[in-house]
N, C-alpha and C. Protein backbone atom coordinates (compact mmCIF):
# COMPACT_ATOMS: atom_id res chain seq x y z
N MET A 1 -6.73 5.96 -48.08
CA MET A 1 -6.54 7.40 -48.01
C MET A 1 -5.33 7.69 -47.14
N LYS A 2 -4.31 8.22 -47.75
CA LYS A 2 -3.10 8.57 -47.01
C LYS A 2 -3.12 10.08 -46.74
N ILE A 3 -2.92 10.45 -45.47
CA ILE A 3 -2.85 11.85 -45.07
C ILE A 3 -1.42 12.14 -44.66
N GLU A 4 -0.88 13.21 -45.21
CA GLU A 4 0.46 13.65 -44.84
C GLU A 4 0.35 15.00 -44.16
N PHE A 5 1.24 15.24 -43.21
CA PHE A 5 1.24 16.49 -42.45
C PHE A 5 2.52 17.26 -42.72
N TYR A 6 2.37 18.57 -42.91
CA TYR A 6 3.49 19.43 -43.22
C TYR A 6 3.39 20.72 -42.41
N PRO A 7 4.51 21.37 -42.17
CA PRO A 7 4.42 22.71 -41.60
C PRO A 7 3.67 23.62 -42.58
N PHE A 8 2.85 24.48 -42.06
CA PHE A 8 2.10 25.45 -42.86
C PHE A 8 3.07 26.55 -43.27
N THR A 9 3.30 26.67 -44.56
CA THR A 9 4.11 27.77 -45.10
C THR A 9 3.21 28.65 -45.95
N ILE A 10 3.66 29.83 -46.22
CA ILE A 10 2.84 30.79 -46.97
C ILE A 10 2.55 30.27 -48.38
N ASP A 11 3.34 29.35 -48.88
CA ASP A 11 3.08 28.76 -50.20
C ASP A 11 1.73 28.05 -50.25
N SER A 12 1.22 27.61 -49.10
CA SER A 12 -0.06 26.92 -49.03
C SER A 12 -1.22 27.85 -48.73
N TYR A 13 -0.96 29.15 -48.65
CA TYR A 13 -1.98 30.09 -48.20
C TYR A 13 -3.28 30.01 -49.00
N ASP A 14 -3.21 30.03 -50.32
CA ASP A 14 -4.44 30.04 -51.13
C ASP A 14 -5.32 28.82 -50.84
N ALA A 15 -4.70 27.65 -50.76
CA ALA A 15 -5.47 26.43 -50.50
C ALA A 15 -6.04 26.44 -49.08
N VAL A 16 -5.25 26.92 -48.12
CA VAL A 16 -5.74 26.97 -46.74
C VAL A 16 -6.87 27.99 -46.60
N PHE A 17 -6.71 29.15 -47.21
CA PHE A 17 -7.76 30.17 -47.13
C PHE A 17 -9.06 29.65 -47.75
N ALA A 18 -8.95 28.94 -48.86
CA ALA A 18 -10.15 28.36 -49.48
C ALA A 18 -10.81 27.36 -48.53
N LEU A 19 -10.02 26.57 -47.83
CA LEU A 19 -10.56 25.62 -46.85
C LEU A 19 -11.27 26.39 -45.73
N TRP A 20 -10.64 27.43 -45.21
CA TRP A 20 -11.26 28.22 -44.14
C TRP A 20 -12.60 28.78 -44.59
N GLN A 21 -12.66 29.23 -45.83
CA GLN A 21 -13.91 29.79 -46.34
C GLN A 21 -15.02 28.75 -46.43
N GLN A 22 -14.66 27.49 -46.61
CA GLN A 22 -15.65 26.41 -46.73
C GLN A 22 -16.13 25.90 -45.38
N CYS A 23 -15.37 26.16 -44.34
CA CYS A 23 -15.69 25.59 -43.02
C CYS A 23 -16.56 26.53 -42.21
N GLU A 24 -17.64 25.96 -41.70
CA GLU A 24 -18.54 26.71 -40.85
C GLU A 24 -17.81 27.09 -39.55
N SER A 25 -18.22 28.18 -38.98
CA SER A 25 -17.72 28.64 -37.67
C SER A 25 -16.27 29.10 -37.67
N ILE A 26 -15.71 29.42 -38.84
CA ILE A 26 -14.39 30.06 -38.88
C ILE A 26 -14.65 31.53 -39.16
N GLY A 27 -14.22 32.38 -38.25
CA GLY A 27 -14.40 33.82 -38.42
C GLY A 27 -13.19 34.41 -39.13
N LEU A 28 -13.39 34.94 -40.30
CA LEU A 28 -12.29 35.50 -41.08
C LEU A 28 -12.38 37.02 -41.06
N SER A 29 -11.22 37.65 -41.08
CA SER A 29 -11.15 39.12 -41.07
C SER A 29 -9.92 39.56 -41.84
N ASP A 30 -9.65 40.85 -41.80
CA ASP A 30 -8.45 41.37 -42.45
C ASP A 30 -7.17 40.77 -41.87
N ALA A 31 -7.24 40.29 -40.64
CA ALA A 31 -6.08 39.65 -40.01
C ALA A 31 -5.69 38.36 -40.71
N ASP A 32 -6.57 37.86 -41.58
CA ASP A 32 -6.30 36.62 -42.29
C ASP A 32 -5.85 36.84 -43.73
N SER A 33 -5.46 38.07 -44.05
CA SER A 33 -4.91 38.34 -45.38
C SER A 33 -3.59 37.59 -45.54
N GLN A 34 -3.17 37.41 -46.77
CA GLN A 34 -1.92 36.68 -47.01
C GLN A 34 -0.75 37.34 -46.29
N GLU A 35 -0.67 38.65 -46.31
CA GLU A 35 0.45 39.33 -45.66
C GLU A 35 0.42 39.14 -44.15
N ARG A 36 -0.77 39.21 -43.55
CA ARG A 36 -0.87 39.04 -42.09
C ARG A 36 -0.56 37.60 -41.68
N ILE A 37 -1.01 36.63 -42.47
CA ILE A 37 -0.69 35.24 -42.16
C ILE A 37 0.81 35.00 -42.35
N ARG A 38 1.40 35.61 -43.36
CA ARG A 38 2.87 35.51 -43.56
C ARG A 38 3.59 36.01 -42.30
N MET A 39 3.16 37.15 -41.79
CA MET A 39 3.78 37.71 -40.58
C MET A 39 3.62 36.76 -39.40
N TYR A 40 2.44 36.17 -39.25
CA TYR A 40 2.17 35.25 -38.15
C TYR A 40 3.06 34.01 -38.25
N LEU A 41 3.14 33.44 -39.45
CA LEU A 41 3.96 32.25 -39.64
C LEU A 41 5.44 32.55 -39.41
N ASN A 42 5.91 33.73 -39.85
CA ASN A 42 7.30 34.10 -39.63
C ASN A 42 7.61 34.31 -38.15
N ARG A 43 6.64 34.83 -37.41
CA ARG A 43 6.81 35.07 -35.98
C ARG A 43 6.75 33.77 -35.19
N ASN A 44 6.08 32.78 -35.72
CA ASN A 44 5.87 31.50 -35.04
C ASN A 44 6.26 30.33 -35.95
N PRO A 45 7.52 30.26 -36.35
CA PRO A 45 7.91 29.22 -37.32
C PRO A 45 7.75 27.81 -36.77
N GLY A 46 7.25 26.92 -37.64
CA GLY A 46 7.16 25.51 -37.29
C GLY A 46 6.07 25.17 -36.29
N MET A 47 5.11 26.06 -36.08
CA MET A 47 4.06 25.81 -35.09
C MET A 47 2.69 25.58 -35.71
N SER A 48 2.53 25.89 -36.98
CA SER A 48 1.26 25.72 -37.70
C SER A 48 1.44 24.62 -38.73
N PHE A 49 0.34 23.90 -39.02
CA PHE A 49 0.45 22.71 -39.87
C PHE A 49 -0.71 22.59 -40.84
N ILE A 50 -0.45 21.84 -41.90
CA ILE A 50 -1.52 21.47 -42.83
C ILE A 50 -1.54 19.95 -42.96
N ALA A 51 -2.71 19.43 -43.33
CA ALA A 51 -2.87 18.01 -43.65
C ALA A 51 -3.22 17.96 -45.13
N ALA A 52 -2.61 17.04 -45.85
CA ALA A 52 -2.85 16.93 -47.29
C ALA A 52 -3.15 15.49 -47.68
N SER A 53 -4.01 15.36 -48.66
CA SER A 53 -4.32 14.07 -49.26
C SER A 53 -4.17 14.24 -50.77
N GLU A 54 -3.28 13.47 -51.35
CA GLU A 54 -3.01 13.57 -52.79
C GLU A 54 -2.74 15.02 -53.21
N ASP A 55 -1.90 15.69 -52.45
CA ASP A 55 -1.48 17.07 -52.71
C ASP A 55 -2.59 18.10 -52.56
N ASN A 56 -3.73 17.73 -52.00
CA ASN A 56 -4.80 18.67 -51.72
C ASN A 56 -4.86 18.94 -50.23
N VAL A 57 -4.92 20.22 -49.85
CA VAL A 57 -5.03 20.57 -48.44
C VAL A 57 -6.41 20.17 -47.95
N VAL A 58 -6.44 19.33 -46.91
CA VAL A 58 -7.71 18.87 -46.34
C VAL A 58 -7.84 19.27 -44.87
N GLY A 59 -6.80 19.86 -44.31
CA GLY A 59 -6.84 20.33 -42.93
C GLY A 59 -5.77 21.37 -42.71
N ALA A 60 -6.03 22.25 -41.74
CA ALA A 60 -5.05 23.29 -41.43
C ALA A 60 -5.28 23.80 -40.01
N ILE A 61 -4.21 24.31 -39.42
CA ILE A 61 -4.29 24.88 -38.08
C ILE A 61 -3.19 25.92 -37.93
N LEU A 62 -3.52 27.02 -37.28
CA LEU A 62 -2.55 28.06 -36.95
C LEU A 62 -2.25 27.98 -35.46
N ALA A 63 -1.00 28.10 -35.10
CA ALA A 63 -0.62 28.13 -33.69
C ALA A 63 0.58 29.05 -33.52
N GLY A 64 0.64 29.65 -32.36
CA GLY A 64 1.76 30.51 -32.01
C GLY A 64 1.71 30.82 -30.53
N HIS A 65 2.62 31.69 -30.11
CA HIS A 65 2.64 32.06 -28.69
C HIS A 65 3.16 33.47 -28.52
N ASP A 66 2.93 33.99 -27.33
CA ASP A 66 3.39 35.34 -27.00
C ASP A 66 4.56 35.31 -26.01
N GLY A 67 5.12 34.13 -25.80
CA GLY A 67 6.22 33.98 -24.85
C GLY A 67 5.78 33.35 -23.54
N ARG A 68 4.49 33.40 -23.24
CA ARG A 68 4.00 32.78 -22.01
C ARG A 68 2.79 31.89 -22.22
N ARG A 69 1.96 32.17 -23.24
CA ARG A 69 0.79 31.36 -23.53
C ARG A 69 0.76 31.03 -25.02
N GLY A 70 0.30 29.82 -25.31
CA GLY A 70 0.11 29.42 -26.69
C GLY A 70 -1.32 29.74 -27.12
N TYR A 71 -1.50 29.88 -28.43
CA TYR A 71 -2.81 30.17 -29.00
C TYR A 71 -3.00 29.35 -30.26
N ILE A 72 -4.19 28.79 -30.40
CA ILE A 72 -4.54 28.05 -31.61
C ILE A 72 -5.69 28.80 -32.27
N HIS A 73 -5.58 28.93 -33.60
CA HIS A 73 -6.59 29.62 -34.39
C HIS A 73 -6.94 28.78 -35.61
N HIS A 74 -8.17 28.88 -36.04
CA HIS A 74 -8.60 28.38 -37.35
C HIS A 74 -8.30 26.91 -37.62
N LEU A 75 -8.61 26.05 -36.67
CA LEU A 75 -8.54 24.62 -36.95
C LEU A 75 -9.65 24.29 -37.93
N ALA A 76 -9.29 23.70 -39.06
CA ALA A 76 -10.28 23.38 -40.08
C ALA A 76 -9.93 22.06 -40.74
N VAL A 77 -10.96 21.26 -40.98
CA VAL A 77 -10.81 20.01 -41.74
C VAL A 77 -11.95 19.96 -42.75
N ALA A 78 -11.62 19.65 -43.99
CA ALA A 78 -12.63 19.54 -45.04
C ALA A 78 -13.70 18.54 -44.63
N SER A 79 -14.94 18.82 -44.98
CA SER A 79 -16.07 18.00 -44.50
C SER A 79 -15.93 16.52 -44.85
N ASP A 80 -15.40 16.19 -46.02
CA ASP A 80 -15.25 14.78 -46.41
C ASP A 80 -14.16 14.05 -45.62
N PHE A 81 -13.36 14.78 -44.86
CA PHE A 81 -12.23 14.19 -44.14
C PHE A 81 -12.39 14.25 -42.63
N ARG A 82 -13.55 14.69 -42.16
CA ARG A 82 -13.79 14.78 -40.72
C ARG A 82 -14.03 13.41 -40.12
N LYS A 83 -13.84 13.34 -38.81
CA LYS A 83 -14.06 12.10 -38.04
C LYS A 83 -13.05 11.02 -38.40
N LYS A 84 -11.86 11.44 -38.81
CA LYS A 84 -10.81 10.49 -39.16
C LYS A 84 -9.53 10.74 -38.34
N GLY A 85 -9.62 11.62 -37.33
CA GLY A 85 -8.47 11.90 -36.47
C GLY A 85 -7.54 12.97 -36.98
N ILE A 86 -7.87 13.60 -38.10
CA ILE A 86 -6.97 14.61 -38.68
C ILE A 86 -6.88 15.83 -37.77
N ALA A 87 -8.01 16.31 -37.27
CA ALA A 87 -7.99 17.49 -36.39
C ALA A 87 -7.16 17.21 -35.15
N ARG A 88 -7.36 16.06 -34.56
CA ARG A 88 -6.60 15.69 -33.35
C ARG A 88 -5.10 15.68 -33.64
N GLN A 89 -4.71 15.12 -34.79
CA GLN A 89 -3.28 15.08 -35.14
C GLN A 89 -2.72 16.48 -35.38
N LEU A 90 -3.51 17.35 -36.01
CA LEU A 90 -3.06 18.73 -36.20
C LEU A 90 -2.86 19.41 -34.86
N VAL A 91 -3.83 19.26 -33.96
CA VAL A 91 -3.71 19.86 -32.62
C VAL A 91 -2.48 19.32 -31.91
N ASN A 92 -2.29 18.02 -31.92
CA ASN A 92 -1.15 17.43 -31.22
C ASN A 92 0.18 17.95 -31.75
N ARG A 93 0.28 18.16 -33.05
CA ARG A 93 1.52 18.71 -33.62
C ARG A 93 1.77 20.12 -33.11
N CYS A 94 0.72 20.91 -33.05
CA CYS A 94 0.86 22.27 -32.53
C CYS A 94 1.27 22.26 -31.06
N LEU A 95 0.60 21.42 -30.27
CA LEU A 95 0.91 21.37 -28.84
C LEU A 95 2.34 20.92 -28.59
N LYS A 96 2.82 19.99 -29.38
CA LYS A 96 4.22 19.56 -29.24
C LYS A 96 5.17 20.71 -29.57
N ALA A 97 4.89 21.43 -30.66
CA ALA A 97 5.74 22.57 -31.03
C ALA A 97 5.73 23.64 -29.94
N LEU A 98 4.57 23.91 -29.38
CA LEU A 98 4.47 24.90 -28.30
C LEU A 98 5.23 24.42 -27.06
N THR A 99 5.03 23.16 -26.68
CA THR A 99 5.71 22.61 -25.51
C THR A 99 7.22 22.64 -25.72
N ASP A 100 7.67 22.27 -26.91
CA ASP A 100 9.10 22.30 -27.22
C ASP A 100 9.67 23.70 -27.13
N SER A 101 8.82 24.72 -27.25
CA SER A 101 9.26 26.12 -27.15
C SER A 101 9.15 26.65 -25.72
N GLY A 102 8.78 25.78 -24.79
CA GLY A 102 8.69 26.19 -23.39
C GLY A 102 7.32 26.68 -22.95
N ILE A 103 6.33 26.57 -23.81
CA ILE A 103 4.98 27.02 -23.48
C ILE A 103 4.28 25.91 -22.69
N ARG A 104 3.61 26.30 -21.61
CA ARG A 104 2.98 25.32 -20.72
C ARG A 104 1.46 25.38 -20.69
N LYS A 105 0.86 26.36 -21.36
CA LYS A 105 -0.61 26.46 -21.39
C LYS A 105 -1.00 27.06 -22.73
N CYS A 106 -2.11 26.58 -23.26
CA CYS A 106 -2.57 27.03 -24.58
C CYS A 106 -4.05 27.37 -24.52
N HIS A 107 -4.44 28.38 -25.28
CA HIS A 107 -5.83 28.82 -25.38
C HIS A 107 -6.29 28.74 -26.83
N ILE A 108 -7.59 28.63 -27.00
CA ILE A 108 -8.20 28.76 -28.32
C ILE A 108 -9.32 29.78 -28.21
N PHE A 109 -9.66 30.37 -29.32
CA PHE A 109 -10.83 31.23 -29.41
C PHE A 109 -11.87 30.46 -30.21
N ILE A 110 -13.08 30.39 -29.68
CA ILE A 110 -14.14 29.63 -30.35
C ILE A 110 -15.46 30.37 -30.17
N PHE A 111 -16.23 30.41 -31.22
CA PHE A 111 -17.55 31.03 -31.12
C PHE A 111 -18.42 30.23 -30.15
N ASN A 112 -19.12 30.92 -29.28
CA ASN A 112 -20.01 30.25 -28.33
C ASN A 112 -21.07 29.41 -29.04
N SER A 113 -21.42 29.77 -30.25
CA SER A 113 -22.43 29.04 -31.02
C SER A 113 -21.88 27.80 -31.72
N ASN A 114 -20.59 27.58 -31.66
CA ASN A 114 -19.95 26.46 -32.35
C ASN A 114 -20.04 25.19 -31.49
N VAL A 115 -21.22 24.62 -31.44
CA VAL A 115 -21.49 23.47 -30.58
C VAL A 115 -20.59 22.28 -30.94
N ASP A 116 -20.45 21.99 -32.23
CA ASP A 116 -19.62 20.86 -32.64
C ASP A 116 -18.16 21.10 -32.27
N GLY A 117 -17.69 22.33 -32.46
CA GLY A 117 -16.32 22.65 -32.11
C GLY A 117 -16.07 22.52 -30.62
N ILE A 118 -16.99 23.02 -29.81
CA ILE A 118 -16.84 22.91 -28.36
C ILE A 118 -16.81 21.45 -27.94
N ALA A 119 -17.68 20.64 -28.54
CA ALA A 119 -17.70 19.20 -28.23
C ALA A 119 -16.37 18.54 -28.60
N PHE A 120 -15.80 18.92 -29.76
CA PHE A 120 -14.51 18.37 -30.16
C PHE A 120 -13.43 18.70 -29.14
N TRP A 121 -13.32 19.98 -28.78
CA TRP A 121 -12.26 20.40 -27.86
C TRP A 121 -12.43 19.73 -26.50
N LYS A 122 -13.66 19.62 -26.02
CA LYS A 122 -13.89 18.92 -24.74
C LYS A 122 -13.48 17.46 -24.85
N ALA A 123 -13.79 16.82 -25.97
CA ALA A 123 -13.49 15.40 -26.17
C ALA A 123 -11.98 15.13 -26.15
N ILE A 124 -11.18 16.12 -26.50
CA ILE A 124 -9.73 15.90 -26.49
C ILE A 124 -9.07 16.53 -25.26
N GLY A 125 -9.90 16.83 -24.24
CA GLY A 125 -9.33 17.20 -22.96
C GLY A 125 -9.23 18.68 -22.63
N TRP A 126 -9.85 19.53 -23.43
CA TRP A 126 -9.80 20.96 -23.16
C TRP A 126 -10.96 21.35 -22.26
N THR A 127 -10.80 22.45 -21.54
CA THR A 127 -11.82 22.95 -20.63
C THR A 127 -12.48 24.19 -21.22
N TYR A 128 -13.80 24.15 -21.31
CA TYR A 128 -14.56 25.32 -21.78
C TYR A 128 -14.72 26.26 -20.60
N ARG A 129 -14.13 27.44 -20.71
CA ARG A 129 -14.10 28.39 -19.61
C ARG A 129 -15.30 29.32 -19.65
N LEU A 130 -15.96 29.44 -18.54
CA LEU A 130 -17.07 30.38 -18.40
C LEU A 130 -16.69 31.58 -17.54
N ASP A 131 -15.50 31.54 -16.95
CA ASP A 131 -15.08 32.59 -16.03
C ASP A 131 -14.37 33.76 -16.71
N ILE A 132 -14.06 33.63 -18.00
CA ILE A 132 -13.40 34.72 -18.71
C ILE A 132 -14.11 34.95 -20.04
N GLY A 133 -13.88 36.09 -20.61
CA GLY A 133 -14.41 36.42 -21.92
C GLY A 133 -13.32 37.13 -22.72
N VAL A 134 -13.65 37.47 -23.92
CA VAL A 134 -12.70 38.17 -24.78
C VAL A 134 -13.27 39.54 -25.11
N MET A 135 -12.42 40.54 -25.02
CA MET A 135 -12.79 41.89 -25.45
C MET A 135 -11.81 42.28 -26.54
N SER A 136 -12.27 43.02 -27.53
CA SER A 136 -11.43 43.39 -28.67
C SER A 136 -11.52 44.88 -28.93
N LYS A 137 -10.48 45.41 -29.54
CA LYS A 137 -10.45 46.81 -29.97
C LYS A 137 -9.70 46.89 -31.28
N THR A 138 -10.28 47.50 -32.27
CA THR A 138 -9.61 47.72 -33.55
C THR A 138 -8.66 48.89 -33.38
N LEU A 139 -7.40 48.70 -33.71
CA LEU A 139 -6.37 49.72 -33.49
C LEU A 139 -6.17 50.66 -34.67
N VAL A 140 -6.60 50.25 -35.84
CA VAL A 140 -6.43 51.07 -37.03
C VAL A 140 -7.82 51.40 -37.58
N PRO A 141 -8.22 52.68 -37.52
CA PRO A 141 -9.55 53.04 -38.03
C PRO A 141 -9.73 52.59 -39.48
N GLY A 142 -10.92 52.09 -39.80
CA GLY A 142 -11.21 51.67 -41.16
C GLY A 142 -10.90 50.21 -41.42
N ILE A 143 -10.18 49.58 -40.51
CA ILE A 143 -9.87 48.16 -40.65
C ILE A 143 -10.99 47.40 -39.95
N ARG A 144 -11.59 46.49 -40.68
CA ARG A 144 -12.69 45.78 -40.04
C ARG A 144 -12.15 44.69 -39.12
N GLY A 145 -12.91 44.45 -38.08
CA GLY A 145 -12.56 43.38 -37.13
C GLY A 145 -13.06 42.07 -37.65
N ALA A 146 -13.35 41.17 -36.76
CA ALA A 146 -13.82 39.85 -37.15
C ALA A 146 -15.14 39.95 -37.88
N CYS A 147 -15.25 39.22 -38.93
CA CYS A 147 -16.53 39.13 -39.63
C CYS A 147 -16.82 37.67 -39.81
N TRP A 148 -17.88 37.22 -39.24
CA TRP A 148 -18.19 35.79 -39.24
C TRP A 148 -19.14 35.50 -40.38
N HIS A 149 -18.75 34.59 -41.22
CA HIS A 149 -19.57 34.21 -42.35
C HIS A 149 -19.80 32.71 -42.29
N PRO A 150 -20.86 32.29 -41.61
CA PRO A 150 -21.09 30.84 -41.58
C PRO A 150 -21.46 30.33 -42.97
N ILE A 151 -20.89 29.23 -43.32
CA ILE A 151 -21.17 28.64 -44.62
C ILE A 151 -21.76 27.26 -44.38
N LEU A 152 -22.90 27.04 -44.93
CA LEU A 152 -23.55 25.74 -44.78
C LEU A 152 -23.08 24.85 -45.90
N ILE A 153 -22.53 23.71 -45.52
CA ILE A 153 -22.01 22.77 -46.51
C ILE A 153 -22.96 21.61 -46.65
């Protein structure tokens, strides 16, 4: 099984979105529409990646920064390809791109109920913070915020 890694471009959106929909603990919302992801990728070029096997997307990760902190979103690996180091390689590619851009600290958002995800991030050296939380506000009335749809595979 050969895995190849590529920068995530909008051309891969449909395959990546399908992967996100299959992965448990990925919260999708209107912010994940093709147009919004296009805007994110354009604002953060070369920081997000996909993993492919035989031209099929089997992993994906979004990363970007605000000029002082990096952020990783939606790390996903297809169930048949987990436990093979793909997620770690995707994360490392993002961290290198962020570091090369002068970013010195990175955060992720993770559901508190995502036990496997928390274990993964801890295993690769991340710290689960209990001293901070996230608060959100929808800025455009009628636009839905995060909607979590766990999918059992």
